[in-house]
Structures are given as structure tokens and as C-alpha cells.
Amino acid sequence: MSAWIFLALAIALEVAATFLLKLSNGFEKVHWGMASIALYSGCFWVLAPALKTIPVGIAYAIWAGVGIAAAGAIGAFAFGERLGPLQLAFVAMIMVGAIGLRLTTSAE
């Protein structure tokens, strides 16, 4: 499997884990918190093979950048959280950086 697919799966698991962590309400709802921990663990499990070929700095920057954008979208749609125009512009810049890193990095 391609390192980029492993990275994408790691991002998806991390974003899902963050969503569940929000649902846990500070671990007051333990079942959501435990599910979050399980998904975070899975995230690192699938991130490891990606790091065999993608440089760690590039992988982490893409992982964090896409995770930030996805968390912002989930916050807006699932929890009614709002970002201001300037905040959205900065998230867009993060995404441009993540896309630029992907386009300029070869792996597998």
C-alpha cells in the first residue's frame, strides 16, 4: 500500500479521534473517551508505515495541516462552532501549504 494512503488513513483516524474526544465532554462520557484513545492508537499504528518513505517533517506537516482543516469543518458542521473570515483565511493557507508539500514530495 502506498505511503500516502497510510498517511491519509492516519489523518482520518486522528480527525475521528478528535471528534470523539469532543463528544467525551472532558472524559465525562468515558465510552467516547475510550473510543477516542483507541482511534488515536490506530492513527499512530498506520502512520508508522508512511514514515518509512515520507520524510517525518513532511508527513507531520501534512497530517497536522489537514487535521486542522478537518477539525475546523467538523466543529462548524457538527458542533455549531464558527470561525471568522480571518481564521478561515489562515486555515486556507495551512491547506495550501499541505497541498504544496504533497505536490513537491515523492514517496513510493
PDB file of N, CA and C in Angstrom:
ATOM      1  N   MET A   1       0.852  -1.181   0.000  1.00  0.00           N
ATOM      2  CA  MET A   1       0.000   0.000   0.000  1.00  0.00           C
ATOM      3  C   MET A   1       0.894   1.239   0.000  1.00  0.00           C
ATOM      4  N   SER A   2       0.477   2.266  -0.684  1.00  0.00           N
ATOM      5  CA  SER A   2       1.243   3.492  -0.795  1.00  0.00           C
ATOM      6  C   SER A   2       1.375   4.204   0.554  1.00  0.00           C
ATOM      7  N   ALA A   3       2.529   4.816   0.767  1.00  0.00           N
ATOM      8  CA  ALA A   3       2.753   5.585   1.994  1.00  0.00           C
ATOM      9  C   ALA A   3       1.730   6.706   2.126  1.00  0.00           C
ATOM     10  N   TRP A   4       1.311   7.268   1.004  1.00  0.00           N
ATOM     11  CA  TRP A   4       0.340   8.368   1.043  1.00  0.00           C
ATOM     12  C   TRP A   4      -1.032   7.870   1.486  1.00  0.00           C
ATOM     13  N   ILE A   5      -1.364   6.645   1.158  1.00  0.00           N
ATOM     14  CA  ILE A   5      -2.636   6.080   1.623  1.00  0.00           C
ATOM     15  C   ILE A   5      -2.569   5.844   3.129  1.00  0.00           C
ATOM     16  N   PHE A   6      -1.429   5.343   3.603  1.00  0.00           N
ATOM     17  CA  PHE A   6      -1.260   5.193   5.050  1.00  0.00           C
ATOM     18  C   PHE A   6      -1.388   6.550   5.749  1.00  0.00           C
ATOM     19  N   LEU A   7      -0.784   7.573   5.178  1.00  0.00           N
ATOM     20  CA  LEU A   7      -0.870   8.907   5.785  1.00  0.00           C
ATOM     21  C   LEU A   7      -2.315   9.404   5.787  1.00  0.00           C
ATOM     22  N   ALA A   8      -3.028   9.205   4.691  1.00  0.00           N
ATOM     23  CA  ALA A   8      -4.430   9.633   4.624  1.00  0.00           C
ATOM     24  C   ALA A   8      -5.277   8.902   5.667  1.00  0.00           C
ATOM     25  N   LEU A   9      -5.033   7.611   5.831  1.00  0.00           N
ATOM     26  CA  LEU A   9      -5.774   6.842   6.833  1.00  0.00           C
ATOM     27  C   LEU A   9      -5.436   7.331   8.246  1.00  0.00           C
ATOM     28  N   ALA A  10      -4.174   7.641   8.485  1.00  0.00           N
ATOM     29  CA  ALA A  10      -3.772   8.169   9.795  1.00  0.00           C
ATOM     30  C   ALA A  10      -4.471   9.493  10.078  1.00  0.00           C
ATOM     31  N   ILE A  11      -4.576  10.333   9.070  1.00  0.00           N
ATOM     32  CA  ILE A  11      -5.271  11.622   9.232  1.00  0.00           C
ATOM     33  C   ILE A  11      -6.741  11.384   9.544  1.00  0.00           C
ATOM     34  N   ALA A  12      -7.378  10.481   8.811  1.00  0.00           N
ATOM     35  CA  ALA A  12      -8.795  10.195   9.045  1.00  0.00           C
ATOM     36  C   ALA A  12      -9.039   9.672  10.455  1.00  0.00           C
ATOM     37  N   LEU A  13      -8.175   8.778  10.919  1.00  0.00           N
ATOM     38  CA  LEU A  13      -8.323   8.249  12.279  1.00  0.00           C
ATOM     39  C   LEU A  13      -8.107   9.328  13.327  1.00  0.00           C
ATOM     40  N   GLU A  14      -7.134  10.201  13.104  1.00  0.00           N
ATOM     41  CA  GLU A  14      -6.860  11.272  14.061  1.00  0.00           C
ATOM     42  C   GLU A  14      -8.019  12.251  14.136  1.00  0.00           C
ATOM     43  N   VAL A  15      -8.592  12.593  13.000  1.00  0.00           N
ATOM     44  CA  VAL A  15      -9.730  13.519  12.979  1.00  0.00           C
ATOM     45  C   VAL A  15     -10.939  12.879  13.663  1.00  0.00           C
ATOM     46  N   ALA A  16     -11.188  11.606  13.393  1.00  0.00           N
ATOM     47  CA  ALA A  16     -12.292  10.901  14.052  1.00  0.00           C
ATOM     48  C   ALA A  16     -12.053  10.831  15.559  1.00  0.00           C
ATOM     49  N   ALA A  17     -10.815  10.578  15.968  1.00  0.00           N
ATOM     50  CA  ALA A  17     -10.488  10.516  17.395  1.00  0.00           C
ATOM     51  C   ALA A  17     -10.735  11.868  18.063  1.00  0.00           C
ATOM     52  N   THR A  18     -10.388  12.941  17.388  1.00  0.00           N
ATOM     53  CA  THR A  18     -10.609  14.279  17.944  1.00  0.00           C
ATOM     54  C   THR A  18     -12.100  14.568  18.078  1.00  0.00           C
ATOM     55  N   PHE A  19     -12.880  14.149  17.087  1.00  0.00           N
ATOM     56  CA  PHE A  19     -14.336  14.296  17.145  1.00  0.00           C
ATOM     57  C   PHE A  19     -14.900  13.562  18.360  1.00  0.00           C
ATOM     58  N   LEU A  20     -14.435  12.329  18.583  1.00  0.00           N
ATOM     59  CA  LEU A  20     -14.909  11.551  19.728  1.00  0.00           C
ATOM     60  C   LEU A  20     -14.438  12.154  21.048  1.00  0.00           C
ATOM     61  N   LEU A  21     -13.247  12.745  21.040  1.00  0.00           N
ATOM     62  CA  LEU A  21     -12.754  13.397  22.251  1.00  0.00           C
ATOM     63  C   LEU A  21     -13.651  14.570  22.623  1.00  0.00           C
ATOM     64  N   LYS A  22     -14.113  15.302  21.633  1.00  0.00           N
ATOM     65  CA  LYS A  22     -15.069  16.390  21.889  1.00  0.00           C
ATOM     66  C   LYS A  22     -16.362  15.820  22.453  1.00  0.00           C
ATOM     67  N   LEU A  23     -16.835  14.714  21.893  1.00  0.00           N
ATOM     68  CA  LEU A  23     -18.067  14.092  22.394  1.00  0.00           C
ATOM     69  C   LEU A  23     -17.924  13.585  23.829  1.00  0.00           C
ATOM     70  N   SER A  24     -16.686  13.281  24.237  1.00  0.00           N
ATOM     71  CA  SER A  24     -16.480  12.757  25.596  1.00  0.00           C
ATOM     72  C   SER A  24     -16.709  13.824  26.663  1.00  0.00           C
ATOM     73  N   ASN A  25     -16.751  15.089  26.244  1.00  0.00           N
ATOM     74  CA  ASN A  25     -17.001  16.195  27.166  1.00  0.00           C
ATOM     75  C   ASN A  25     -16.009  16.165  28.331  1.00  0.00           C
ATOM     76  N   GLY A  26     -14.735  16.177  27.981  1.00  0.00           N
ATOM     77  CA  GLY A  26     -13.705  16.162  29.015  1.00  0.00           C
ATOM     78  C   GLY A  26     -13.627  14.835  29.754  1.00  0.00           C
ATOM     79  N   PHE A  27     -13.936  13.755  29.083  1.00  0.00           N
ATOM     80  CA  PHE A  27     -13.948  12.389  29.608  1.00  0.00           C
ATOM     81  C   PHE A  27     -15.071  12.157  30.632  1.00  0.00           C
ATOM     82  N   GLU A  28     -16.071  13.046  30.644  1.00  0.00           N
ATOM     83  CA  GLU A  28     -17.253  12.778  31.464  1.00  0.00           C
ATOM     84  C   GLU A  28     -18.031  11.596  30.892  1.00  0.00           C
ATOM     85  N   LYS A  29     -17.992  11.454  29.583  1.00  0.00           N
ATOM     86  CA  LYS A  29     -18.623  10.319  28.900  1.00  0.00           C
ATOM     87  C   LYS A  29     -17.493   9.376  28.504  1.00  0.00           C
ATOM     88  N   VAL A  30     -17.175   8.477  29.409  1.00  0.00           N
ATOM     89  CA  VAL A  30     -15.971   7.656  29.294  1.00  0.00           C
ATOM     90  C   VAL A  30     -15.956   6.828  28.017  1.00  0.00           C
ATOM     91  N   HIS A  31     -17.111   6.321  27.580  1.00  0.00           N
ATOM     92  CA  HIS A  31     -17.120   5.473  26.394  1.00  0.00           C
ATOM     93  C   HIS A  31     -16.602   6.230  25.167  1.00  0.00           C
ATOM     94  N   TRP A  32     -16.950   7.517  25.019  1.00  0.00           N
ATOM     95  CA  TRP A  32     -16.431   8.293  23.897  1.00  0.00           C
ATOM     96  C   TRP A  32     -14.936   8.539  24.073  1.00  0.00           C
ATOM     97  N   GLY A  33     -14.511   8.779  25.301  1.00  0.00           N
ATOM     98  CA  GLY A  33     -13.095   8.982  25.572  1.00  0.00           C
ATOM     99  C   GLY A  33     -12.269   7.748  25.258  1.00  0.00           C
ATOM    100  N   MET A  34     -12.761   6.596  25.642  1.00  0.00           N
ATOM    101  CA  MET A  34     -12.033   5.353  25.365  1.00  0.00           C
ATOM    102  C   MET A  34     -11.991   5.064  23.862  1.00  0.00           C
ATOM    103  N   ALA A  35     -13.091   5.339  23.188  1.00  0.00           N
ATOM    104  CA  ALA A  35     -13.109   5.160  21.729  1.00  0.00           C
ATOM    105  C   ALA A  35     -12.102   6.110  21.073  1.00  0.00           C
ATOM    106  N   SER A  36     -12.001   7.322  21.611  1.00  0.00           N
ATOM    107  CA  SER A  36     -11.030   8.287  21.109  1.00  0.00           C
ATOM    108  C   SER A  36      -9.606   7.769  21.274  1.00  0.00           C
ATOM    109  N   ILE A  37      -9.301   7.237  22.442  1.00  0.00           N
ATOM    110  CA  ILE A  37      -7.968   6.687  22.690  1.00  0.00           C
ATOM    111  C   ILE A  37      -7.671   5.542  21.719  1.00  0.00           C
ATOM    112  N   ALA A  38      -8.656   4.701  21.463  1.00  0.00           N
ATOM    113  CA  ALA A  38      -8.468   3.582  20.531  1.00  0.00           C
ATOM    114  C   ALA A  38      -8.151   4.095  19.121  1.00  0.00           C
ATOM    115  N   LEU A  39      -8.878   5.136  18.691  1.00  0.00           N
ATOM    116  CA  LEU A  39      -8.629   5.672  17.346  1.00  0.00           C
ATOM    117  C   LEU A  39      -7.289   6.390  17.262  1.00  0.00           C
ATOM    118  N   TYR A  40      -6.906   7.103  18.327  1.00  0.00           N
ATOM    119  CA  TYR A  40      -5.572   7.725  18.329  1.00  0.00           C
ATOM    120  C   TYR A  40      -4.494   6.647  18.225  1.00  0.00           C
ATOM    121  N   SER A  41      -4.673   5.553  18.937  1.00  0.00           N
ATOM    122  CA  SER A  41      -3.709   4.448  18.857  1.00  0.00           C
ATOM    123  C   SER A  41      -3.641   3.897  17.438  1.00  0.00           C
ATOM    124  N   GLY A  42      -4.793   3.692  16.831  1.00  0.00           N
ATOM    125  CA  GLY A  42      -4.836   3.218  15.448  1.00  0.00           C
ATOM    126  C   GLY A  42      -4.175   4.197  14.498  1.00  0.00           C
ATOM    127  N   CYS A  43      -4.352   5.469  14.764  1.00  0.00           N
ATOM    128  CA  CYS A  43      -3.742   6.512  13.940  1.00  0.00           C
ATOM    129  C   CYS A  43      -2.235   6.345  13.901  1.00  0.00           C
ATOM    130  N   PHE A  44      -1.613   6.181  15.062  1.00  0.00           N
ATOM    131  CA  PHE A  44      -0.163   6.040  15.093  1.00  0.00           C
ATOM    132  C   PHE A  44       0.283   4.712  14.482  1.00  0.00           C
ATOM    133  N   TRP A  45      -0.543   3.706  14.612  1.00  0.00           N
ATOM    134  CA  TRP A  45      -0.225   2.397  14.045  1.00  0.00           C
ATOM    135  C   TRP A  45      -0.117   2.470  12.521  1.00  0.00           C
ATOM    136  N   VAL A  46      -1.004   3.241  11.891  1.00  0.00           N
ATOM    137  CA  VAL A  46      -0.956   3.341  10.429  1.00  0.00           C
ATOM    138  C   VAL A  46      -0.056   4.481   9.951  1.00  0.00           C
ATOM    139  N   LEU A  47       0.286   5.393  10.837  1.00  0.00           N
ATOM    140  CA  LEU A  47       1.227   6.451  10.459  1.00  0.00           C
ATOM    141  C   LEU A  47       2.642   5.898  10.313  1.00  0.00           C
ATOM    142  N   ALA A  48       2.988   4.928  11.142  1.00  0.00           N
ATOM    143  CA  ALA A  48       4.353   4.379  11.151  1.00  0.00           C
ATOM    144  C   ALA A  48       4.818   3.889   9.777  1.00  0.00           C
ATOM    145  N   PRO A  49       4.028   3.114   9.034  1.00  0.00           N
ATOM    146  CA  PRO A  49       4.498   2.674   7.706  1.00  0.00           C
ATOM    147  C   PRO A  49       4.693   3.840   6.731  1.00  0.00           C
ATOM    148  N   ALA A  50       3.894   4.890   6.875  1.00  0.00           N
ATOM    149  CA  ALA A  50       4.047   6.049   5.994  1.00  0.00           C
ATOM    150  C   ALA A  50       5.401   6.712   6.207  1.00  0.00           C
ATOM    151  N   LEU A  51       5.870   6.683   7.456  1.00  0.00           N
ATOM    152  CA  LEU A  51       7.133   7.338   7.780  1.00  0.00           C
ATOM    153  C   LEU A  51       8.356   6.576   7.276  1.00  0.00           C
ATOM    154  N   LYS A  52       8.137   5.375   6.757  1.00  0.00           N
ATOM    155  CA  LYS A  52       9.252   4.639   6.150  1.00  0.00           C
ATOM    156  C   LYS A  52       9.749   5.334   4.889  1.00  0.00           C
ATOM    157  N   THR A  53       8.837   5.996   4.174  1.00  0.00           N
ATOM    158  CA  THR A  53       9.228   6.603   2.894  1.00  0.00           C
ATOM    159  C   THR A  53       8.976   8.102   2.821  1.00  0.00           C
ATOM    160  N   ILE A  54       8.008   8.615   3.558  1.00  0.00           N
ATOM    161  CA  ILE A  54       7.750  10.058   3.553  1.00  0.00           C
ATOM    162  C   ILE A  54       8.594  10.675   4.672  1.00  0.00           C
ATOM    163  N   PRO A  55       9.350  11.732   4.376  1.00  0.00           N
ATOM    164  CA  PRO A  55      10.120  12.371   5.442  1.00  0.00           C
ATOM    165  C   PRO A  55       9.211  12.797   6.603  1.00  0.00           C
ATOM    166  N   VAL A  56       9.683  12.597   7.830  1.00  0.00           N
ATOM    167  CA  VAL A  56       8.844  12.819   9.003  1.00  0.00           C
ATOM    168  C   VAL A  56       8.325  14.255   9.080  1.00  0.00           C
ATOM    169  N   GLY A  57       9.141  15.227   8.740  1.00  0.00           N
ATOM    170  CA  GLY A  57       8.692  16.617   8.791  1.00  0.00           C
ATOM    171  C   GLY A  57       7.577  16.906   7.807  1.00  0.00           C
ATOM    172  N   ILE A  58       7.679  16.314   6.625  1.00  0.00           N
ATOM    173  CA  ILE A  58       6.647  16.492   5.594  1.00  0.00           C
ATOM    174  C   ILE A  58       5.365  15.778   6.020  1.00  0.00           C
ATOM    175  N   ALA A  59       5.498  14.539   6.466  1.00  0.00           N
ATOM    176  CA  ALA A  59       4.316  13.776   6.884  1.00  0.00           C
ATOM    177  C   ALA A  59       3.602  14.477   8.027  1.00  0.00           C
ATOM    178  N   TYR A  60       4.359  14.942   9.004  1.00  0.00           N
ATOM    179  CA  TYR A  60       3.736  15.585  10.162  1.00  0.00           C
ATOM    180  C   TYR A  60       3.070  16.897   9.767  1.00  0.00           C
ATOM    181  N   ALA A  61       3.709  17.678   8.898  1.00  0.00           N
ATOM    182  CA  ALA A  61       3.113  18.936   8.474  1.00  0.00           C
ATOM    183  C   ALA A  61       1.802  18.708   7.728  1.00  0.00           C
ATOM    184  N   ILE A  62       1.783  17.707   6.845  1.00  0.00           N
ATOM    185  CA  ILE A  62       0.546  17.400   6.116  1.00  0.00           C
ATOM    186  C   ILE A  62      -0.506  16.867   7.077  1.00  0.00           C
ATOM    187  N   TRP A  63      -0.103  15.947   7.961  1.00  0.00           N
ATOM    188  CA  TRP A  63      -1.021  15.367   8.941  1.00  0.00           C
ATOM    189  C   TRP A  63      -1.655  16.456   9.796  1.00  0.00           C
ATOM    190  N   ALA A  64      -0.838  17.351  10.317  1.00  0.00           N
ATOM    191  CA  ALA A  64      -1.345  18.416  11.179  1.00  0.00           C
ATOM    192  C   ALA A  64      -2.212  19.396  10.397  1.00  0.00           C
ATOM    193  N   GLY A  65      -1.754  19.780   9.204  1.00  0.00           N
ATOM    194  CA  GLY A  65      -2.490  20.761   8.417  1.00  0.00           C
ATOM    195  C   GLY A  65      -3.869  20.283   7.990  1.00  0.00           C
ATOM    196  N   VAL A  66      -3.919  19.087   7.464  1.00  0.00           N
ATOM    197  CA  VAL A  66      -5.215  18.535   7.038  1.00  0.00           C
ATOM    198  C   VAL A  66      -6.093  18.285   8.269  1.00  0.00           C
ATOM    199  N   GLY A  67      -5.481  17.831   9.357  1.00  0.00           N
ATOM    200  CA  GLY A  67      -6.233  17.620  10.595  1.00  0.00           C
ATOM    201  C   GLY A  67      -6.849  18.906  11.120  1.00  0.00           C
ATOM    202  N   ILE A  68      -6.102  20.009  11.058  1.00  0.00           N
ATOM    203  CA  ILE A  68      -6.615  21.306  11.496  1.00  0.00           C
ATOM    204  C   ILE A  68      -7.832  21.712  10.670  1.00  0.00           C
ATOM    205  N   ALA A  69      -7.714  21.597   9.369  1.00  0.00           N
ATOM    206  CA  ALA A  69      -8.826  21.981   8.490  1.00  0.00           C
ATOM    207  C   ALA A  69     -10.042  21.092   8.720  1.00  0.00           C
ATOM    208  N   ALA A  70      -9.815  19.792   8.841  1.00  0.00           N
ATOM    209  CA  ALA A  70     -10.931  18.867   9.057  1.00  0.00           C
ATOM    210  C   ALA A  70     -11.583  19.105  10.422  1.00  0.00           C
ATOM    211  N   ALA A  71     -10.771  19.356  11.439  1.00  0.00           N
ATOM    212  CA  ALA A  71     -11.338  19.629  12.760  1.00  0.00           C
ATOM    213  C   ALA A  71     -12.168  20.907  12.744  1.00  0.00           C
ATOM    214  N   GLY A  72     -11.704  21.898  12.010  1.00  0.00           N
ATOM    215  CA  GLY A  72     -12.482  23.128  11.881  1.00  0.00           C
ATOM    216  C   GLY A  72     -13.813  22.890  11.186  1.00  0.00           C
ATOM    217  N   ALA A  73     -13.792  22.073  10.137  1.00  0.00           N
ATOM    218  CA  ALA A  73     -15.031  21.757   9.418  1.00  0.00           C
ATOM    219  C   ALA A  73     -15.989  20.965  10.298  1.00  0.00           C
ATOM    220  N   ILE A  74     -15.463  19.976  11.011  1.00  0.00           N
ATOM    221  CA  ILE A  74     -16.320  19.193  11.910  1.00  0.00           C
ATOM    222  C   ILE A  74     -16.872  20.081  13.013  1.00  0.00           C
ATOM    223  N   GLY A  75     -16.031  20.949  13.564  1.00  0.00           N
ATOM    224  CA  GLY A  75     -16.507  21.868  14.595  1.00  0.00           C
ATOM    225  C   GLY A  75     -17.658  22.721  14.103  1.00  0.00           C
ATOM    226  N   ALA A  76     -17.556  23.181  12.864  1.00  0.00           N
ATOM    227  CA  ALA A  76     -18.607  24.031  12.299  1.00  0.00           C
ATOM    228  C   ALA A  76     -19.894  23.254  12.036  1.00  0.00           C
ATOM    229  N   PHE A  77     -19.763  22.096  11.404  1.00  0.00           N
ATOM    230  CA  PHE A  77     -20.955  21.359  10.987  1.00  0.00           C
ATOM    231  C   PHE A  77     -21.578  20.532  12.103  1.00  0.00           C
ATOM    232  N   ALA A  78     -20.772  19.918  12.941  1.00  0.00           N
ATOM    233  CA  ALA A  78     -21.318  19.030  13.971  1.00  0.00           C
ATOM    234  C   ALA A  78     -21.600  19.743  15.290  1.00  0.00           C
ATOM    235  N   PHE A  79     -20.815  20.793  15.587  1.00  0.00           N
ATOM    236  CA  PHE A  79     -20.942  21.422  16.899  1.00  0.00           C
ATOM    237  C   PHE A  79     -21.353  22.888  16.836  1.00  0.00           C
ATOM    238  N   GLY A  80     -21.591  23.411  15.658  1.00  0.00           N
ATOM    239  CA  GLY A  80     -22.026  24.787  15.513  1.00  0.00           C
ATOM    240  C   GLY A  80     -20.960  25.819  15.859  1.00  0.00           C
ATOM    241  N   GLU A  81     -19.692  25.399  15.878  1.00  0.00           N
ATOM    242  CA  GLU A  81     -18.607  26.339  16.153  1.00  0.00           C
ATOM    243  C   GLU A  81     -18.340  27.158  14.897  1.00  0.00           C
ATOM    244  N   ARG A  82     -17.985  28.394  15.065  1.00  0.00           N
ATOM    245  CA  ARG A  82     -17.765  29.269  13.912  1.00  0.00           C
ATOM    246  C   ARG A  82     -16.348  29.826  13.918  1.00  0.00           C
ATOM    247  N   LEU A  83     -15.792  29.926  12.717  1.00  0.00           N
ATOM    248  CA  LEU A  83     -14.520  30.589  12.521  1.00  0.00           C
ATOM    249  C   LEU A  83     -14.785  31.885  11.775  1.00  0.00           C
ATOM    250  N   GLY A  84     -14.080  32.943  12.159  1.00  0.00           N
ATOM    251  CA  GLY A  84     -14.211  34.222  11.480  1.00  0.00           C
ATOM    252  C   GLY A  84     -13.501  34.193  10.136  1.00  0.00           C
ATOM    253  N   PRO A  85     -13.730  35.212   9.319  1.00  0.00           N
ATOM    254  CA  PRO A  85     -13.115  35.259   7.992  1.00  0.00           C
ATOM    255  C   PRO A  85     -11.588  35.182   8.034  1.00  0.00           C
ATOM    256  N   LEU A  86     -10.968  35.870   8.952  1.00  0.00           N
ATOM    257  CA  LEU A  86      -9.513  35.839   9.047  1.00  0.00           C
ATOM    258  C   LEU A  86      -9.023  34.450   9.464  1.00  0.00           C
ATOM    259  N   GLN A  87      -9.749  33.823  10.379  1.00  0.00           N
ATOM    260  CA  GLN A  87      -9.390  32.460  10.792  1.00  0.00           C
ATOM    261  C   GLN A  87      -9.515  31.492   9.617  1.00  0.00           C
ATOM    262  N   LEU A  88     -10.576  31.623   8.844  1.00  0.00           N
ATOM    263  CA  LEU A  88     -10.747  30.774   7.661  1.00  0.00           C
ATOM    264  C   LEU A  88      -9.620  31.000   6.651  1.00  0.00           C
ATOM    265  N   ALA A  89      -9.191  32.242   6.504  1.00  0.00           N
ATOM    266  CA  ALA A  89      -8.088  32.541   5.588  1.00  0.00           C
ATOM    267  C   ALA A  89      -6.804  31.851   6.048  1.00  0.00           C
ATOM    268  N   PHE A  90      -6.552  31.856   7.349  1.00  0.00           N
ATOM    269  CA  PHE A  90      -5.345  31.196   7.851  1.00  0.00           C
ATOM    270  C   PHE A  90      -5.430  29.677   7.700  1.00  0.00           C
ATOM    271  N   VAL A  91      -6.597  29.105   7.910  1.00  0.00           N
ATOM    272  CA  VAL A  91      -6.768  27.666   7.686  1.00  0.00           C
ATOM    273  C   VAL A  91      -6.543  27.350   6.205  1.00  0.00           C
ATOM    274  N   ALA A  92      -7.030  28.222   5.329  1.00  0.00           N
ATOM    275  CA  ALA A  92      -6.809  28.025   3.890  1.00  0.00           C
ATOM    276  C   ALA A  92      -5.318  28.059   3.564  1.00  0.00           C
ATOM    277  N   MET A  93      -4.575  28.944   4.222  1.00  0.00           N
ATOM    278  CA  MET A  93      -3.126  28.991   3.990  1.00  0.00           C
ATOM    279  C   MET A  93      -2.453  27.702   4.458  1.00  0.00           C
ATOM    280  N   ILE A  94      -2.926  27.158   5.566  1.00  0.00           N
ATOM    281  CA  ILE A  94      -2.391  25.877   6.044  1.00  0.00           C
ATOM    282  C   ILE A  94      -2.636  24.793   4.996  1.00  0.00           C
ATOM    283  N   MET A  95      -3.826  24.767   4.433  1.00  0.00           N
ATOM    284  CA  MET A  95      -4.149  23.766   3.414  1.00  0.00           C
ATOM    285  C   MET A  95      -3.295  23.949   2.155  1.00  0.00           C
ATOM    286  N   VAL A  96      -3.070  25.188   1.756  1.00  0.00           N
ATOM    287  CA  VAL A  96      -2.202  25.443   0.597  1.00  0.00           C
ATOM    288  C   VAL A  96      -0.808  24.886   0.883  1.00  0.00           C
ATOM    289  N   GLY A  97      -0.326  25.095   2.089  1.00  0.00           N
ATOM    290  CA  GLY A  97       0.979  24.552   2.457  1.00  0.00           C
ATOM    291  C   GLY A  97       1.002  23.041   2.425  1.00  0.00           C
ATOM    292  N   ALA A  98      -0.045  22.407   2.962  1.00  0.00           N
ATOM    293  CA  ALA A  98      -0.111  20.942   2.971  1.00  0.00           C
ATOM    294  C   ALA A  98      -0.158  20.394   1.546  1.00  0.00           C
ATOM    295  N   ILE A  99      -0.948  21.007   0.690  1.00  0.00           N
ATOM    296  CA  ILE A  99      -1.035  20.569  -0.702  1.00  0.00           C
ATOM    297  C   ILE A  99       0.300  20.781  -1.405  1.00  0.00           C
ATOM    298  N   GLY A 100       0.933  21.917  -1.153  1.00  0.00           N
ATOM    299  CA  GLY A 100       2.237  22.187  -1.757  1.00  0.00           C
ATOM    300  C   GLY A 100       3.285  21.168  -1.334  1.00  0.00           C
ATOM    301  N   LEU A 101       3.274  20.806  -0.050  1.00  0.00           N
ATOM    302  CA  LEU A 101       4.209  19.784   0.421  1.00  0.00           C
ATOM    303  C   LEU A 101       3.964  18.455  -0.272  1.00  0.00           C
ATOM    304  N   ARG A 102       2.698  18.077  -0.420  1.00  0.00           N
ATOM    305  CA  ARG A 102       2.371  16.811  -1.085  1.00  0.00           C
ATOM    306  C   ARG A 102       2.824  16.827  -2.535  1.00  0.00           C
ATOM    307  N   LEU A 103       2.598  17.926  -3.208  1.00  0.00           N
ATOM    308  CA  LEU A 103       2.933  18.008  -4.631  1.00  0.00           C
ATOM    309  C   LEU A 103       4.443  18.022  -4.874  1.00  0.00           C
ATOM    310  N   THR A 104       5.210  18.422  -3.878  1.00  0.00           N
ATOM    311  CA  THR A 104       6.653  18.538  -4.071  1.00  0.00           C
ATOM    312  C   THR A 104       7.439  17.424  -3.364  1.00  0.00           C
ATOM    313  N   THR A 105       6.749  16.418  -2.845  1.00  0.00           N
ATOM    314  CA  THR A 105       7.401  15.327  -2.148  1.00  0.00           C
ATOM    315  C   THR A 105       7.082  14.018  -2.851  1.00  0.00           C
ATOM    316  N   SER A 106       8.120  13.244  -3.132  1.00  0.00           N
ATOM    317  CA  SER A 106       7.879  11.938  -3.741  1.00  0.00           C
ATOM    318  C   SER A 106       8.112  10.854  -2.693  1.00  0.00           C
ATOM    319  N   ALA A 107       7.259   9.865  -2.721  1.00  0.00           N
ATOM    320  CA  ALA A 107       7.379   8.674  -1.862  1.00  0.00           C
ATOM    321  C   ALA A 107       6.692   7.546  -2.607  1.00  0.00           C
ATOM    322  N   GLU A 108       7.337   6.396  -2.611  1.00  0.00           N
ATOM    323  CA  GLU A 108       6.846   5.186  -3.313  1.00  0.00           C
ATOM    324  C   GLU A 108       6.462   5.513  -4.734  1.00  0.00           C
TER     325      GLU A 108
END
